[in-house]
PDB file of N, CA and C in Angstrom:
ATOM      1  N   MET A   1      27.460   3.700  17.113  1.00  0.00           N
ATOM      2  CA  MET A   1      27.845   2.783  15.879  1.00  0.00           C
ATOM      3  C   MET A   1      26.614   1.965  16.063  1.00  0.00           C
ATOM      4  N   SER A   2      25.767   1.576  16.870  1.00  0.00           N
ATOM      5  CA  SER A   2      24.683   0.244  16.752  1.00  0.00           C
ATOM      6  C   SER A   2      23.671   1.463  16.231  1.00  0.00           C
ATOM      7  N   LYS A   3      23.644   2.749  16.870  1.00  0.00           N
ATOM      8  CA  LYS A   3      22.788   3.412  16.434  1.00  0.00           C
ATOM      9  C   LYS A   3      22.326   3.485  15.067  1.00  0.00           C
ATOM     10  N   ASP A   4      23.234   4.010  14.558  1.00  0.00           N
ATOM     11  CA  ASP A   4      23.724   4.318  13.039  1.00  0.00           C
ATOM     12  C   ASP A   4      23.433   3.005  12.135  1.00  0.00           C
ATOM     13  N   LEU A   5      23.574   1.879  12.546  1.00  0.00           N
ATOM     14  CA  LEU A   5      23.304   0.690  11.841  1.00  0.00           C
ATOM     15  C   LEU A   5      21.549   0.496  12.189  1.00  0.00           C
ATOM     16  N   GLY A   6      21.363   1.136  13.193  1.00  0.00           N
ATOM     17  CA  GLY A   6      19.750   0.628  13.426  1.00  0.00           C
ATOM     18  C   GLY A   6      18.839   1.343  12.508  1.00  0.00           C
ATOM     19  N   LEU A   7      19.636   2.801  12.228  1.00  0.00           N
ATOM     20  CA  LEU A   7      18.950   3.747  11.134  1.00  0.00           C
ATOM     21  C   LEU A   7      19.366   3.109  10.008  1.00  0.00           C
ATOM     22  N   PHE A   8      20.032   2.711   9.432  1.00  0.00           N
ATOM     23  CA  PHE A   8      20.416   2.127   8.110  1.00  0.00           C
ATOM     24  C   PHE A   8      19.279   1.318   7.677  1.00  0.00           C
ATOM     25  N   SER A   9      19.274   0.019   8.704  1.00  0.00           N
ATOM     26  CA  SER A   9      18.351  -1.131   8.624  1.00  0.00           C
ATOM     27  C   SER A   9      16.905  -0.338   8.539  1.00  0.00           C
ATOM     28  N   SER A  10      16.587   0.411   9.325  1.00  0.00           N
ATOM     29  CA  SER A  10      15.276   1.070   9.056  1.00  0.00           C
ATOM     30  C   SER A  10      14.997   1.906   7.712  1.00  0.00           C
ATOM     31  N   LYS A  11      15.792   2.680   7.102  1.00  0.00           N
ATOM     32  CA  LYS A  11      15.836   2.873   6.038  1.00  0.00           C
ATOM     33  C   LYS A  11      15.603   2.104   4.836  1.00  0.00           C
ATOM     34  N   GLN A  12      16.487   1.167   4.837  1.00  0.00           N
ATOM     35  CA  GLN A  12      16.279  -0.052   3.688  1.00  0.00           C
ATOM     36  C   GLN A  12      14.756  -0.654   4.119  1.00  0.00           C
ATOM     37  N   LEU A  13      14.419  -1.000   5.180  1.00  0.00           N
ATOM     38  CA  LEU A  13      12.876  -1.625   5.325  1.00  0.00           C
ATOM     39  C   LEU A  13      12.256  -0.787   4.378  1.00  0.00           C
ATOM     40  N   VAL A  14      12.079   0.539   4.881  1.00  0.00           N
ATOM     41  CA  VAL A  14      10.986   1.498   4.241  1.00  0.00           C
ATOM     42  C   VAL A  14      11.166   1.145   2.694  1.00  0.00           C
ATOM     43  N   LYS A  15      12.623   1.490   2.133  1.00  0.00           N
ATOM     44  CA  LYS A  15      12.605   1.502   0.967  1.00  0.00           C
ATOM     45  C   LYS A  15      11.626  -0.003   0.200  1.00  0.00           C
ATOM     46  N   LYS A  16      12.102  -1.065   0.944  1.00  0.00           N
ATOM     47  CA  LYS A  16      11.474  -2.071   0.240  1.00  0.00           C
ATOM     48  C   LYS A  16      10.150  -2.156   0.692  1.00  0.00           C
ATOM     49  N   LEU A  17       9.370  -1.609   1.211  1.00  0.00           N
ATOM     50  CA  LEU A  17       8.150  -1.508   1.896  1.00  0.00           C
ATOM     51  C   LEU A  17       7.230  -0.805   0.709  1.00  0.00           C
ATOM     52  N   ARG A  18       7.928   0.187   0.106  1.00  0.00           N
ATOM     53  CA  ARG A  18       7.288   0.819  -0.702  1.00  0.00           C
ATOM     54  C   ARG A  18       6.196   0.547  -1.667  1.00  0.00           C
ATOM     55  N   PHE A  19       6.789  -0.576  -2.061  1.00  0.00           N
ATOM     56  CA  PHE A  19       5.576  -1.309  -3.027  1.00  0.00           C
ATOM     57  C   PHE A  19       4.706  -2.152  -2.485  1.00  0.00           C
ATOM     58  N   LEU A  20       4.284  -2.486  -1.127  1.00  0.00           N
ATOM     59  CA  LEU A  20       3.442  -2.907  -0.633  1.00  0.00           C
ATOM     60  C   LEU A  20       2.227  -2.200  -0.530  1.00  0.00           C
ATOM     61  N   PRO A  21       1.709  -1.150  -0.471  1.00  0.00           N
ATOM     62  CA  PRO A  21       0.477  -0.692  -0.780  1.00  0.00           C
ATOM     63  C   PRO A  21      -0.261  -1.014  -1.916  1.00  0.00           C
ATOM     64  N   PHE A  22       0.751  -0.888  -2.979  1.00  0.00           N
ATOM     65  CA  PHE A  22       0.244  -0.974  -4.343  1.00  0.00           C
ATOM     66  C   PHE A  22       0.203  -2.673  -4.367  1.00  0.00           C
ATOM     67  N   ALA A  23       0.802  -3.340  -3.683  1.00  0.00           N
ATOM     68  CA  ALA A  23       0.640  -4.788  -3.839  1.00  0.00           C
ATOM     69  C   ALA A  23      -1.041  -5.352  -3.409  1.00  0.00           C
ATOM     70  N   LEU A  24      -1.231  -4.420  -2.227  1.00  0.00           N
ATOM     71  CA  LEU A  24      -2.173  -4.729  -1.293  1.00  0.00           C
ATOM     72  C   LEU A  24      -3.468  -4.328  -1.828  1.00  0.00           C
ATOM     73  N   VAL A  25      -3.389  -3.147  -2.365  1.00  0.00           N
ATOM     74  CA  VAL A  25      -4.565  -2.965  -3.184  1.00  0.00           C
ATOM     75  C   VAL A  25      -4.951  -3.526  -4.499  1.00  0.00           C
ATOM     76  N   GLY A  26      -3.584  -3.960  -5.196  1.00  0.00           N
ATOM     77  CA  GLY A  26      -3.956  -4.773  -6.489  1.00  0.00           C
ATOM     78  C   GLY A  26      -4.515  -5.968  -5.992  1.00  0.00           C
ATOM     79  N   ILE A  27      -4.036  -6.646  -5.121  1.00  0.00           N
ATOM     80  CA  ILE A  27      -4.395  -8.132  -4.601  1.00  0.00           C
ATOM     81  C   ILE A  27      -6.185  -8.004  -4.166  1.00  0.00           C
ATOM     82  N   ALA A  28      -6.766  -6.883  -3.477  1.00  0.00           N
ATOM     83  CA  ALA A  28      -7.829  -6.713  -3.045  1.00  0.00           C
ATOM     84  C   ALA A  28      -8.656  -6.527  -4.318  1.00  0.00           C
ATOM     85  N   VAL A  29      -8.458  -5.565  -5.214  1.00  0.00           N
ATOM     86  CA  VAL A  29      -9.270  -5.486  -6.316  1.00  0.00           C
ATOM     87  C   VAL A  29      -9.115  -6.793  -7.335  1.00  0.00           C
ATOM     88  N   PHE A  30      -8.093  -7.703  -7.133  1.00  0.00           N
ATOM     89  CA  PHE A  30      -8.312  -9.022  -8.145  1.00  0.00           C
ATOM     90  C   PHE A  30      -9.139  -9.808  -7.434  1.00  0.00           C
ATOM     91  N   THR A  31      -9.049  -9.976  -6.178  1.00  0.00           N
ATOM     92  CA  THR A  31     -10.075 -11.197  -5.397  1.00  0.00           C
ATOM     93  C   THR A  31     -11.634 -10.677  -5.270  1.00  0.00           C
ATOM     94  N   LEU A  32     -11.679  -9.079  -5.412  1.00  0.00           N
ATOM     95  CA  LEU A  32     -13.202  -8.796  -5.440  1.00  0.00           C
ATOM     96  C   LEU A  32     -13.591  -8.952  -7.159  1.00  0.00           C
ATOM     97  N   ASN A  33     -13.000  -8.855  -7.830  1.00  0.00           N
ATOM     98  CA  ASN A  33     -13.472  -8.984  -9.379  1.00  0.00           C
ATOM     99  C   ASN A  33     -13.646 -10.382  -9.992  1.00  0.00           C
ATOM    100  N   VAL A  34     -13.026 -11.223  -9.393  1.00  0.00           N
ATOM    101  CA  VAL A  34     -12.443 -12.615  -9.988  1.00  0.00           C
ATOM    102  C   VAL A  34     -14.158 -13.356 -10.283  1.00  0.00           C
ATOM    103  N   ASN A  35     -14.830 -13.031  -9.497  1.00  0.00           N
ATOM    104  CA  ASN A  35     -16.011 -13.828  -9.703  1.00  0.00           C
ATOM    105  C   ASN A  35     -16.751 -13.663 -11.025  1.00  0.00           C
ATOM    106  N   PRO A  36     -16.828 -14.560 -12.125  1.00  0.00           N
ATOM    107  CA  PRO A  36     -17.366 -14.338 -13.561  1.00  0.00           C
ATOM    108  C   PRO A  36     -18.639 -14.483 -13.229  1.00  0.00           C
ATOM    109  N   ASP A  37     -19.446 -14.512 -12.554  1.00  0.00           N
ATOM    110  CA  ASP A  37     -21.083 -14.624 -12.347  1.00  0.00           C
ATOM    111  C   ASP A  37     -21.705 -13.254 -11.751  1.00  0.00           C
ATOM    112  N   THR A  38     -20.864 -12.405 -11.352  1.00  0.00           N
ATOM    113  CA  THR A  38     -21.359 -10.951 -11.288  1.00  0.00           C
ATOM    114  C   THR A  38     -21.577 -10.579 -12.640  1.00  0.00           C
ATOM    115  N   ASN A  39     -22.509  -9.557 -12.427  1.00  0.00           N
ATOM    116  CA  ASN A  39     -23.495  -8.779 -13.564  1.00  0.00           C
ATOM    117  C   ASN A  39     -22.368  -7.812 -13.928  1.00  0.00           C
ATOM    118  N   PRO A  40     -22.039  -7.734 -15.379  1.00  0.00           N
ATOM    119  CA  PRO A  40     -20.898  -7.033 -15.804  1.00  0.00           C
ATOM    120  C   PRO A  40     -20.918  -5.326 -15.127  1.00  0.00           C
ATOM    121  N   TYR A  41     -22.285  -4.806 -15.226  1.00  0.00           N
ATOM    122  CA  TYR A  41     -22.404  -3.602 -14.863  1.00  0.00           C
ATOM    123  C   TYR A  41     -22.040  -3.262 -13.245  1.00  0.00           C
ATOM    124  N   LEU A  42     -22.360  -4.263 -12.782  1.00  0.00           N
ATOM    125  CA  LEU A  42     -21.823  -3.976 -11.077  1.00  0.00           C
ATOM    126  C   LEU A  42     -20.426  -4.264 -11.040  1.00  0.00           C
ATOM    127  N   GLN A  43     -19.942  -5.331 -12.099  1.00  0.00           N
ATOM    128  CA  GLN A  43     -18.464  -5.326 -11.993  1.00  0.00           C
ATOM    129  C   GLN A  43     -17.620  -3.851 -12.255  1.00  0.00           C
ATOM    130  N   ILE A  44     -18.311  -3.296 -13.412  1.00  0.00           N
ATOM    131  CA  ILE A  44     -17.608  -2.014 -13.834  1.00  0.00           C
ATOM    132  C   ILE A  44     -17.775  -1.166 -12.431  1.00  0.00           C
ATOM    133  N   TYR A  45     -18.852  -1.125 -11.973  1.00  0.00           N
ATOM    134  CA  TYR A  45     -19.091   0.083 -11.055  1.00  0.00           C
ATOM    135  C   TYR A  45     -18.309  -0.211  -9.811  1.00  0.00           C
ATOM    136  N   ILE A  46     -17.853  -1.528  -9.397  1.00  0.00           N
ATOM    137  CA  ILE A  46     -16.995  -2.183  -8.425  1.00  0.00           C
ATOM    138  C   ILE A  46     -15.623  -1.834  -8.839  1.00  0.00           C
ATOM    139  N   THR A  47     -15.499  -1.832  -9.930  1.00  0.00           N
ATOM    140  CA  THR A  47     -13.919  -1.508 -10.270  1.00  0.00           C
ATOM    141  C   THR A  47     -13.645   0.018 -10.126  1.00  0.00           C
ATOM    142  N   LEU A  48     -14.574   0.839 -10.671  1.00  0.00           N
ATOM    143  CA  LEU A  48     -14.465   2.236 -10.308  1.00  0.00           C
ATOM    144  C   LEU A  48     -14.416   2.773  -9.000  1.00  0.00           C
ATOM    145  N   LEU A  49     -15.393   2.302  -8.474  1.00  0.00           N
ATOM    146  CA  LEU A  49     -15.360   2.466  -7.079  1.00  0.00           C
ATOM    147  C   LEU A  49     -13.937   2.155  -6.182  1.00  0.00           C
ATOM    148  N   GLU A  50     -13.519   0.836  -6.639  1.00  0.00           N
ATOM    149  CA  GLU A  50     -11.965   0.324  -5.984  1.00  0.00           C
ATOM    150  C   GLU A  50     -10.709   1.303  -6.391  1.00  0.00           C
ATOM    151  N   ALA A  51     -11.058   1.635  -7.487  1.00  0.00           N
ATOM    152  CA  ALA A  51      -9.959   2.544  -8.046  1.00  0.00           C
ATOM    153  C   ALA A  51      -9.710   3.820  -7.123  1.00  0.00           C
ATOM    154  N   LYS A  52     -11.173   4.370  -6.903  1.00  0.00           N
ATOM    155  CA  LYS A  52     -10.995   5.779  -6.101  1.00  0.00           C
ATOM    156  C   LYS A  52     -10.512   5.333  -4.665  1.00  0.00           C
ATOM    157  N   VAL A  53     -11.047   4.261  -4.263  1.00  0.00           N
ATOM    158  CA  VAL A  53     -10.653   3.748  -2.742  1.00  0.00           C
ATOM    159  C   VAL A  53      -9.419   3.288  -2.748  1.00  0.00           C
ATOM    160  N   GLY A  54      -9.046   2.777  -3.695  1.00  0.00           N
ATOM    161  CA  GLY A  54      -7.339   2.458  -3.948  1.00  0.00           C
ATOM    162  C   GLY A  54      -6.441   3.723  -3.866  1.00  0.00           C
ATOM    163  N   VAL A  55      -6.492   4.683  -4.756  1.00  0.00           N
ATOM    164  CA  VAL A  55      -5.874   5.835  -4.752  1.00  0.00           C
ATOM    165  C   VAL A  55      -5.587   6.395  -3.263  1.00  0.00           C
ATOM    166  N   VAL A  56      -6.876   6.439  -2.621  1.00  0.00           N
ATOM    167  CA  VAL A  56      -6.813   7.008  -1.088  1.00  0.00           C
ATOM    168  C   VAL A  56      -5.993   5.962  -0.192  1.00  0.00           C
ATOM    169  N   LEU A  57      -6.217   4.873  -0.408  1.00  0.00           N
ATOM    170  CA  LEU A  57      -5.531   3.850   0.724  1.00  0.00           C
ATOM    171  C   LEU A  57      -4.166   3.947   0.128  1.00  0.00           C
ATOM    172  N   VAL A  58      -3.551   3.836  -1.138  1.00  0.00           N
ATOM    173  CA  VAL A  58      -2.139   4.168  -1.458  1.00  0.00           C
ATOM    174  C   VAL A  58      -1.694   4.904  -0.937  1.00  0.00           C
ATOM    175  N   TYR A  59      -1.904   6.284  -0.804  1.00  0.00           N
ATOM    176  CA  TYR A  59      -1.644   7.482  -0.281  1.00  0.00           C
ATOM    177  C   TYR A  59      -1.563   7.468   1.238  1.00  0.00           C
ATOM    178  N   PHE A  60      -2.376   7.042   1.767  1.00  0.00           N
ATOM    179  CA  PHE A  60      -1.893   7.080   3.260  1.00  0.00           C
ATOM    180  C   PHE A  60      -1.319   6.092   3.669  1.00  0.00           C
ATOM    181  N   LEU A  61      -1.350   4.739   3.280  1.00  0.00           N
ATOM    182  CA  LEU A  61      -0.042   3.804   3.456  1.00  0.00           C
ATOM    183  C   LEU A  61       1.111   4.348   2.860  1.00  0.00           C
ATOM    184  N   THR A  62       1.361   4.685   1.853  1.00  0.00           N
ATOM    185  CA  THR A  62       2.649   5.257   1.624  1.00  0.00           C
ATOM    186  C   THR A  62       3.015   6.677   2.576  1.00  0.00           C
ATOM    187  N   LYS A  63       2.030   7.351   3.222  1.00  0.00           N
ATOM    188  CA  LYS A  63       2.424   8.374   3.650  1.00  0.00           C
ATOM    189  C   LYS A  63       2.641   7.627   5.308  1.00  0.00           C
ATOM    190  N   LYS A  64       2.128   6.827   6.173  1.00  0.00           N
ATOM    191  CA  LYS A  64       2.020   5.969   7.142  1.00  0.00           C
ATOM    192  C   LYS A  64       3.778   5.431   6.808  1.00  0.00           C
ATOM    193  N   LEU A  65       4.049   5.029   5.831  1.00  0.00           N
ATOM    194  CA  LEU A  65       5.518   4.313   5.678  1.00  0.00           C
ATOM    195  C   LEU A  65       6.676   5.269   5.625  1.00  0.00           C
ATOM    196  N   GLY A  66       6.179   6.596   4.985  1.00  0.00           N
ATOM    197  CA  GLY A  66       6.991   7.753   5.033  1.00  0.00           C
ATOM    198  C   GLY A  66       7.297   8.182   6.393  1.00  0.00           C
ATOM    199  N   ASN A  67       6.268   8.308   7.153  1.00  0.00           N
ATOM    200  CA  ASN A  67       6.411   8.684   8.700  1.00  0.00           C
ATOM    201  C   ASN A  67       7.053   7.751   9.501  1.00  0.00           C
ATOM    202  N   MET A  68       6.968   6.352   9.411  1.00  0.00           N
ATOM    203  CA  MET A  68       7.574   5.413   9.946  1.00  0.00           C
ATOM    204  C   MET A  68       9.485   5.630   9.662  1.00  0.00           C
ATOM    205  N   GLY A  69       9.841   5.569   8.911  1.00  0.00           N
ATOM    206  CA  GLY A  69      11.429   6.160   8.418  1.00  0.00           C
ATOM    207  C   GLY A  69      11.931   7.217   9.334  1.00  0.00           C
ATOM    208  N   LYS A  70      10.865   8.370   9.062  1.00  0.00           N
ATOM    209  CA  LYS A  70      11.225   9.800   9.823  1.00  0.00           C
ATOM    210  C   LYS A  70      11.263   9.376  11.205  1.00  0.00           C
ATOM    211  N   ASP A  71      10.212   8.552  11.963  1.00  0.00           N
ATOM    212  CA  ASP A  71       9.892   8.179  13.266  1.00  0.00           C
ATOM    213  C   ASP A  71      11.276   7.651  13.940  1.00  0.00           C
ATOM    214  N   LYS A  72      11.801   6.927  13.064  1.00  0.00           N
ATOM    215  CA  LYS A  72      13.157   6.032  13.136  1.00  0.00           C
ATOM    216  C   LYS A  72      14.275   6.835  13.497  1.00  0.00           C
ATOM    217  N   GLN A  73      14.267   7.774  12.598  1.00  0.00           N
ATOM    218  CA  GLN A  73      15.243   8.671  12.252  1.00  0.00           C
ATOM    219  C   GLN A  73      15.605   9.756  13.589  1.00  0.00           C
ATOM    220  N   SER A  74      14.480  10.036  13.993  1.00  0.00           N
ATOM    221  CA  SER A  74      14.369  10.945  15.471  1.00  0.00           C
ATOM    222  C   SER A  74      14.749  10.483  16.808  1.00  0.00           C
ATOM    223  N   ILE A  75      14.778   9.136  16.490  1.00  0.00           N
ATOM    224  CA  ILE A  75      15.020   8.506  17.907  1.00  0.00           C
ATOM    225  C   ILE A  75      16.637   8.638  18.243  1.00  0.00           C
TER     226      ILE A  75
END
């Protein structure tokens, strides 16, 4: 019975953390682009670079969160 409760809570935790990768990437992009003294061309270049890196980070973080839920189920 307690094993079922542990699985249930880990599933809920993984579902709640699905938004986390998007939030982390968004916060990082905002903090790097908030400086108004930066050259506009440099800001555009940094934004495009952050978008590419952000997509990869979100993919890997989401995959890792999905694996955490699967690992808890197999125990």
